[in-house]
Protein backbone atom coordinates (compact mmCIF):
# COMPACT_ATOMS: atom_id res chain seq x y z
CA MET A 1 -26.17 -23.97 20.64
CA ALA A 2 -27.18 -26.24 17.82
CA ASP A 3 -29.66 -23.61 16.68
CA ALA A 4 -26.94 -20.95 16.59
CA ASN A 5 -24.77 -23.08 14.33
CA LYS A 6 -27.63 -23.61 11.90
CA SER A 7 -28.27 -19.87 11.55
CA ASP A 8 -24.56 -19.11 11.03
CA VAL A 9 -24.25 -21.54 8.14
CA PRO A 10 -25.60 -20.05 4.92
CA HIS A 11 -28.30 -22.02 3.28
CA ILE A 12 -27.49 -23.85 0.07
CA ASP A 13 -30.33 -22.01 -1.61
CA ASP A 14 -28.73 -18.66 -0.71
CA ILE A 15 -25.34 -19.78 -2.05
CA GLN A 16 -26.94 -21.03 -5.25
CA LYS A 17 -28.85 -17.78 -5.74
CA THR A 18 -25.68 -15.75 -5.15
CA LEU A 19 -23.72 -17.83 -7.66
CA GLU A 20 -26.53 -17.59 -10.22
CA LYS A 21 -26.60 -13.83 -9.76
CA GLN A 22 -22.81 -13.62 -10.26
CA ILE A 23 -23.02 -15.81 -13.36
CA ALA A 24 -25.76 -13.61 -14.79
CA GLU A 25 -23.62 -10.51 -14.16
CA LEU A 26 -20.62 -12.17 -15.79
CA ARG A 27 -22.75 -13.07 -18.83
CA LYS A 28 -23.86 -9.44 -19.12
CA GLU A 29 -20.23 -8.28 -18.94
CA ILE A 30 -19.18 -10.82 -21.57
CA THR A 31 -22.01 -9.62 -23.82
CA LYS A 32 -20.84 -6.01 -23.39
CA ILE A 33 -17.23 -6.98 -24.14
CA ASN A 34 -18.26 -8.94 -27.25
CA LYS A 35 -20.32 -5.99 -28.47
CA SER A 36 -17.42 -3.60 -27.87
CA ILE A 37 -15.00 -5.89 -29.71
CA SER A 38 -17.44 -6.24 -32.61
CA GLU A 39 -17.86 -2.47 -32.88
CA ARG A 40 -14.10 -1.91 -32.77
CA GLY A 41 -13.58 -4.57 -35.45
CA ALA A 42 -16.15 -2.88 -37.66
CA GLU A 43 -14.38 0.45 -37.17
CA LEU A 44 -11.04 -1.10 -38.11
CA VAL A 45 -12.53 -2.67 -41.24
CA ASP A 46 -14.05 0.67 -42.24
CA ASP A 47 -10.73 2.44 -41.66
CA ALA A 48 -8.85 -0.16 -43.70
CA ARG A 49 -11.41 0.08 -46.50
CA GLU A 50 -11.11 3.86 -46.55
CA GLN A 51 -7.31 3.74 -46.63
CA ALA A 52 -7.36 1.18 -49.46
CA SER A 53 -9.78 3.35 -51.40
CA ASP A 54 -7.55 6.39 -50.93
CA MET A 55 -4.48 4.43 -52.06
CA TYR A 56 -6.35 3.18 -55.13
CA ASP A 57 -7.50 6.68 -56.02
CA THR A 58 -3.96 8.03 -55.65
CA ALA A 59 -2.48 5.21 -57.73
CA ALA A 60 -5.14 5.64 -60.42
CA ALA A 61 -4.48 9.37 -60.62
CA ARG A 62 -0.72 8.81 -60.90
CA ALA A 63 -1.17 6.13 -63.55
CA SER A 64 -3.42 8.44 -65.53
CA ARG A 65 -0.88 11.29 -65.39
CA THR A 66 1.94 8.92 -66.33
CA ALA A 67 -0.02 7.53 -69.28
CA GLN A 68 -0.77 11.06 -70.47
CA GLN A 69 2.91 12.00 -70.24
CA LEU A 70 3.91 8.87 -72.15
CA ARG A 71 1.38 9.65 -74.87
CA THR A 72 2.69 13.21 -75.13
CA GLN A 73 6.31 12.06 -75.32
CA ALA A 74 5.51 9.32 -77.83
CA GLN A 75 3.69 11.84 -79.99
CA ALA A 76 6.68 14.21 -79.84
CA VAL A 77 9.08 11.40 -80.80
CA SER A 78 6.77 10.35 -83.60
CA GLU A 79 6.65 13.90 -84.97
CA VAL A 80 10.45 14.19 -84.87
CA ALA A 81 10.78 10.83 -86.64
CA ARG A 82 8.33 11.94 -89.35
CA ASP A 83 10.16 15.24 -89.81
CA ASN A 84 13.60 13.55 -90.05
CA PRO A 85 13.24 10.11 -91.68
CA GLY A 86 16.92 9.86 -92.65
CA THR A 87 18.12 10.57 -89.12
CA THR A 88 15.57 8.17 -87.70
CA THR A 89 16.72 5.39 -90.01
CA ALA A 90 20.36 6.01 -89.09
CA VAL A 91 19.64 6.00 -85.34
CA VAL A 92 17.59 2.81 -85.54
CA GLY A 93 20.30 1.17 -87.67
CA ILE A 94 23.06 2.14 -85.23
CA ILE A 95 21.03 0.85 -82.28
CA GLY A 96 20.43 -2.41 -84.13
CA LEU A 97 24.13 -2.77 -84.93
CA ILE A 98 25.10 -2.11 -81.31
CA GLY A 99 22.57 -4.71 -80.16
CA PHE A 100 23.92 -7.25 -82.64
CA LEU A 101 27.50 -6.68 -81.52
CA ALA A 102 26.50 -6.89 -77.87
CA GLY A 103 24.77 -10.20 -78.59
CA ILE A 104 27.89 -11.58 -80.23
CA ALA A 105 30.03 -10.44 -77.30
CA VAL A 106 27.71 -12.02 -74.76
CA GLY A 107 27.56 -15.23 -76.77
CA GLN A 108 31.36 -15.40 -76.92
CA ALA A 109 31.69 -14.70 -73.21
CA MET A 110 29.22 -17.44 -72.30
CA SER A 111 30.68 -20.01 -74.66
CA ASP A 112 32.85 -22.75 -73.12
CA THR A 113 35.09 -23.11 -76.14
CA PRO A 114 36.73 -20.08 -77.66
CA ARG A 115 35.88 -19.56 -81.31
CA ARG A 116 38.07 -17.85 -83.79
CA TRP A 117 37.10 -16.26 -87.03
CA TYR A 118 40.11 -17.77 -88.68
CA GLN A 119 41.33 -21.35 -88.69
């Protein structure tokens, strides 16, 4: 009966070998998971880089078109100003006068003490 009990109990060497085999399998799985995560991260970085590049290209194209339109409009305004110097002077003078009056009004509104032009 004592011999039967000894054969039923697994040997420590067998348990150790089984555990070492399981640990080796787990290490292989962890290596596979790490590799998969690394590949996925690289894909995400590539996708983000491509999207950023596309956004930059789009923004650069829009900025170029906008700059061209501004140049065209500035050239048109410049030509009109050269063709009509009297009108240009009058418009600039009126805008300056309006700005001056607006500045006075804002200064009066922000002043703590009311000021009068007469005493």
